[in-house]
C-alpha cells in the first residue's frame, strides 16, 4: 500500500475528519472510502484492523482511529 486509506461512514464527524486528513497529508496521499457508498469495502477495512470510523490506515498498516463516529458493526447494518 503506497497511500493511506481513510474509511468513513458519511456522518458529520467523519466528513470533518476527512477534510482535516486531506488538508494535513494531501489528497494525492490518501484514498477516501465511504463505507455507506461502498459496503463491499467493509470486509477489507475489518481485515486492516478498523474497529470504528472514521479511521485512517497508514501505508505501514497502522490503524489510526479518529474520534468515534460509529463502530464497524453499526456500519454493517
N, C-alpha and C. Protein backbone atom coordinates (compact mmCIF):
# COMPACT_ATOMS: atom_id res chain seq x y z
N UNK A 1 0.85 -1.17 0.00
CA UNK A 1 0.00 0.00 0.00
C UNK A 1 0.90 1.24 0.00
N UNK A 2 0.72 2.11 -0.97
CA UNK A 2 1.55 3.30 -1.04
C UNK A 2 0.83 4.54 -0.49
N UNK A 3 -0.48 4.49 -0.41
CA UNK A 3 -1.27 5.59 0.12
C UNK A 3 -1.90 5.18 1.44
N UNK A 4 -2.25 6.16 2.23
CA UNK A 4 -3.09 5.91 3.38
C UNK A 4 -4.51 5.70 2.87
N UNK A 5 -5.33 5.00 3.65
CA UNK A 5 -6.73 4.80 3.29
C UNK A 5 -7.57 5.33 4.44
N UNK A 6 -8.49 6.25 4.13
CA UNK A 6 -9.37 6.84 5.13
C UNK A 6 -10.76 6.24 4.94
N UNK A 7 -11.22 5.53 5.95
CA UNK A 7 -12.55 4.92 5.93
C UNK A 7 -13.50 5.78 6.76
N UNK A 8 -14.71 6.00 6.23
CA UNK A 8 -15.71 6.73 7.00
C UNK A 8 -17.10 6.30 6.58
N UNK A 9 -18.10 6.80 7.34
CA UNK A 9 -19.49 6.42 7.09
C UNK A 9 -20.37 7.59 6.68
N UNK A 10 -19.77 8.75 6.47
CA UNK A 10 -20.52 9.88 5.97
C UNK A 10 -21.15 10.77 7.02
N UNK A 11 -20.95 10.47 8.29
CA UNK A 11 -21.53 11.30 9.36
C UNK A 11 -20.76 12.62 9.44
N UNK A 12 -21.30 13.63 10.14
CA UNK A 12 -20.59 14.91 10.25
C UNK A 12 -19.19 14.79 10.85
N UNK A 13 -19.01 13.92 11.85
CA UNK A 13 -17.69 13.70 12.44
C UNK A 13 -16.73 13.18 11.37
N UNK A 14 -17.20 12.23 10.57
CA UNK A 14 -16.38 11.63 9.52
C UNK A 14 -16.01 12.63 8.44
N UNK A 15 -16.97 13.43 8.01
CA UNK A 15 -16.72 14.41 6.95
C UNK A 15 -15.72 15.46 7.42
N UNK A 16 -15.87 15.91 8.66
CA UNK A 16 -14.93 16.87 9.22
C UNK A 16 -13.52 16.27 9.28
N UNK A 17 -13.42 15.03 9.74
CA UNK A 17 -12.12 14.36 9.80
C UNK A 17 -11.54 14.17 8.41
N UNK A 18 -12.38 13.85 7.43
CA UNK A 18 -11.90 13.69 6.05
C UNK A 18 -11.24 14.98 5.56
N UNK A 19 -11.90 16.11 5.79
CA UNK A 19 -11.33 17.39 5.34
C UNK A 19 -10.00 17.66 6.04
N UNK A 20 -9.93 17.37 7.33
CA UNK A 20 -8.67 17.59 8.06
C UNK A 20 -7.56 16.69 7.54
N UNK A 21 -7.87 15.43 7.29
CA UNK A 21 -6.86 14.48 6.78
C UNK A 21 -6.35 14.95 5.42
N UNK A 22 -7.25 15.32 4.54
CA UNK A 22 -6.84 15.79 3.20
C UNK A 22 -5.97 17.04 3.32
N UNK A 23 -6.36 17.95 4.22
CA UNK A 23 -5.55 19.17 4.41
C UNK A 23 -4.19 18.85 5.00
N UNK A 24 -4.11 17.85 5.87
CA UNK A 24 -2.84 17.51 6.51
C UNK A 24 -1.88 16.76 5.60
N UNK A 25 -2.39 15.74 4.88
CA UNK A 25 -1.48 14.90 4.12
C UNK A 25 -1.63 15.01 2.61
N UNK A 26 -2.66 15.71 2.15
CA UNK A 26 -2.85 15.91 0.71
C UNK A 26 -3.70 14.83 0.08
N UNK A 27 -4.57 15.24 -0.82
CA UNK A 27 -5.49 14.29 -1.46
C UNK A 27 -4.76 13.23 -2.28
N UNK A 28 -3.55 13.55 -2.76
CA UNK A 28 -2.79 12.59 -3.55
C UNK A 28 -2.20 11.47 -2.69
N UNK A 29 -2.23 11.65 -1.37
CA UNK A 29 -1.63 10.67 -0.46
C UNK A 29 -2.64 9.82 0.29
N UNK A 30 -3.92 10.00 -0.01
CA UNK A 30 -4.95 9.26 0.72
C UNK A 30 -6.08 8.84 -0.21
N UNK A 31 -6.52 7.62 -0.02
CA UNK A 31 -7.71 7.11 -0.71
C UNK A 31 -8.86 7.23 0.27
N UNK A 32 -9.95 7.85 -0.14
CA UNK A 32 -11.11 8.04 0.72
C UNK A 32 -12.15 6.98 0.37
N UNK A 33 -12.60 6.23 1.38
CA UNK A 33 -13.62 5.22 1.15
C UNK A 33 -14.79 5.45 2.10
N UNK A 34 -15.93 5.80 1.52
CA UNK A 34 -17.18 5.99 2.25
C UNK A 34 -17.85 4.62 2.30
N UNK A 35 -17.87 4.01 3.48
CA UNK A 35 -18.38 2.64 3.61
C UNK A 35 -19.89 2.55 3.37
N UNK A 36 -20.61 3.65 3.54
CA UNK A 36 -22.03 3.65 3.21
C UNK A 36 -22.27 3.52 1.72
N UNK A 37 -21.39 4.15 0.94
CA UNK A 37 -21.48 4.08 -0.52
C UNK A 37 -20.81 2.84 -1.09
N UNK A 38 -19.86 2.27 -0.33
CA UNK A 38 -19.09 1.12 -0.79
C UNK A 38 -19.05 0.03 0.28
N UNK A 39 -20.22 -0.57 0.58
CA UNK A 39 -20.26 -1.59 1.64
C UNK A 39 -19.39 -2.81 1.35
N UNK A 40 -19.03 -3.00 0.11
CA UNK A 40 -18.15 -4.12 -0.24
C UNK A 40 -16.74 -3.92 0.33
N UNK A 41 -16.44 -2.72 0.77
CA UNK A 41 -15.12 -2.42 1.35
C UNK A 41 -15.06 -2.65 2.86
N UNK A 42 -16.19 -2.97 3.49
CA UNK A 42 -16.22 -3.17 4.94
C UNK A 42 -15.31 -4.32 5.34
N UNK A 43 -15.36 -5.42 4.61
CA UNK A 43 -14.52 -6.58 4.94
C UNK A 43 -13.04 -6.22 4.87
N UNK A 44 -12.65 -5.47 3.85
CA UNK A 44 -11.26 -5.05 3.71
C UNK A 44 -10.85 -4.16 4.88
N UNK A 45 -11.74 -3.27 5.28
CA UNK A 45 -11.46 -2.39 6.42
C UNK A 45 -11.28 -3.21 7.69
N UNK A 46 -12.15 -4.19 7.90
CA UNK A 46 -12.04 -5.05 9.09
C UNK A 46 -10.73 -5.82 9.09
N UNK A 47 -10.36 -6.36 7.94
CA UNK A 47 -9.10 -7.11 7.84
C UNK A 47 -7.90 -6.22 8.11
N UNK A 48 -8.02 -4.93 7.81
CA UNK A 48 -6.94 -3.98 8.08
C UNK A 48 -6.87 -3.61 9.56
N UNK A 49 -7.95 -3.94 10.32
CA UNK A 49 -7.97 -3.65 11.75
C UNK A 49 -8.87 -2.50 12.16
N UNK A 50 -9.68 -2.00 11.23
CA UNK A 50 -10.58 -0.91 11.55
C UNK A 50 -11.70 -1.43 12.46
N UNK A 51 -11.87 -0.77 13.61
CA UNK A 51 -12.90 -1.13 14.58
C UNK A 51 -14.03 -0.11 14.62
N UNK A 52 -13.71 1.13 14.23
CA UNK A 52 -14.70 2.20 14.19
C UNK A 52 -14.27 3.20 13.13
N UNK A 53 -15.23 3.99 12.71
CA UNK A 53 -14.94 5.05 11.74
C UNK A 53 -15.26 6.39 12.36
N UNK A 54 -14.56 7.42 11.98
CA UNK A 54 -13.52 7.49 10.95
C UNK A 54 -12.22 6.85 11.40
N UNK A 55 -11.50 6.29 10.44
CA UNK A 55 -10.21 5.66 10.72
C UNK A 55 -9.30 5.82 9.51
N UNK A 56 -8.02 5.97 9.81
CA UNK A 56 -7.02 6.10 8.77
C UNK A 56 -6.06 4.91 8.88
N UNK A 57 -5.89 4.19 7.79
CA UNK A 57 -4.92 3.10 7.73
C UNK A 57 -3.71 3.64 7.00
N UNK A 58 -2.56 3.63 7.67
CA UNK A 58 -1.34 4.18 7.09
C UNK A 58 -0.72 3.20 6.10
N UNK A 59 0.20 3.67 5.26
CA UNK A 59 0.87 2.77 4.33
C UNK A 59 1.62 1.63 5.02
N UNK A 60 1.99 1.82 6.28
CA UNK A 60 2.67 0.76 7.04
C UNK A 60 1.68 -0.22 7.68
N UNK A 61 0.38 0.05 7.52
CA UNK A 61 -0.64 -0.84 8.06
C UNK A 61 -1.14 -0.50 9.44
N UNK A 62 -0.70 0.62 9.99
CA UNK A 62 -1.20 1.07 11.29
C UNK A 62 -2.59 1.66 11.13
N UNK A 63 -3.46 1.39 12.09
CA UNK A 63 -4.82 1.93 12.06
C UNK A 63 -4.92 3.04 13.09
N UNK A 64 -5.28 4.22 12.63
CA UNK A 64 -5.47 5.37 13.50
C UNK A 64 -6.96 5.65 13.58
N UNK A 65 -7.57 5.31 14.71
CA UNK A 65 -8.98 5.58 14.91
C UNK A 65 -9.12 7.04 15.35
N UNK A 66 -9.91 7.79 14.61
CA UNK A 66 -10.04 9.23 14.82
C UNK A 66 -11.42 9.50 15.41
N UNK A 67 -11.43 9.99 16.67
CA UNK A 67 -12.69 10.24 17.34
C UNK A 67 -13.49 8.95 17.34
N UNK A 68 -14.78 9.02 17.46
CA UNK A 68 -15.62 7.82 17.37
C UNK A 68 -16.93 8.22 16.75
N UNK A 69 -17.08 7.89 15.48
CA UNK A 69 -18.32 8.19 14.77
C UNK A 69 -19.29 7.03 14.85
N UNK A 70 -18.81 5.83 14.52
CA UNK A 70 -19.63 4.62 14.55
C UNK A 70 -18.73 3.40 14.57
N UNK A 71 -19.20 2.36 15.23
CA UNK A 71 -18.43 1.11 15.21
C UNK A 71 -18.59 0.48 13.83
N UNK A 72 -17.67 -0.37 13.48
CA UNK A 72 -17.75 -1.06 12.18
C UNK A 72 -18.99 -1.95 12.15
N UNK A 73 -19.40 -2.47 13.30
CA UNK A 73 -20.63 -3.28 13.37
C UNK A 73 -21.86 -2.43 13.02
N UNK A 74 -21.89 -1.19 13.50
CA UNK A 74 -23.01 -0.30 13.17
C UNK A 74 -23.05 0.02 11.68
N UNK A 75 -21.89 0.13 11.07
CA UNK A 75 -21.81 0.45 9.64
C UNK A 75 -22.37 -0.70 8.81
N UNK A 76 -22.21 -1.92 9.29
CA UNK A 76 -22.70 -3.10 8.57
C UNK A 76 -24.23 -3.13 8.46
N UNK A 77 -24.90 -2.50 9.40
CA UNK A 77 -26.37 -2.60 9.46
C UNK A 77 -27.07 -1.64 8.55
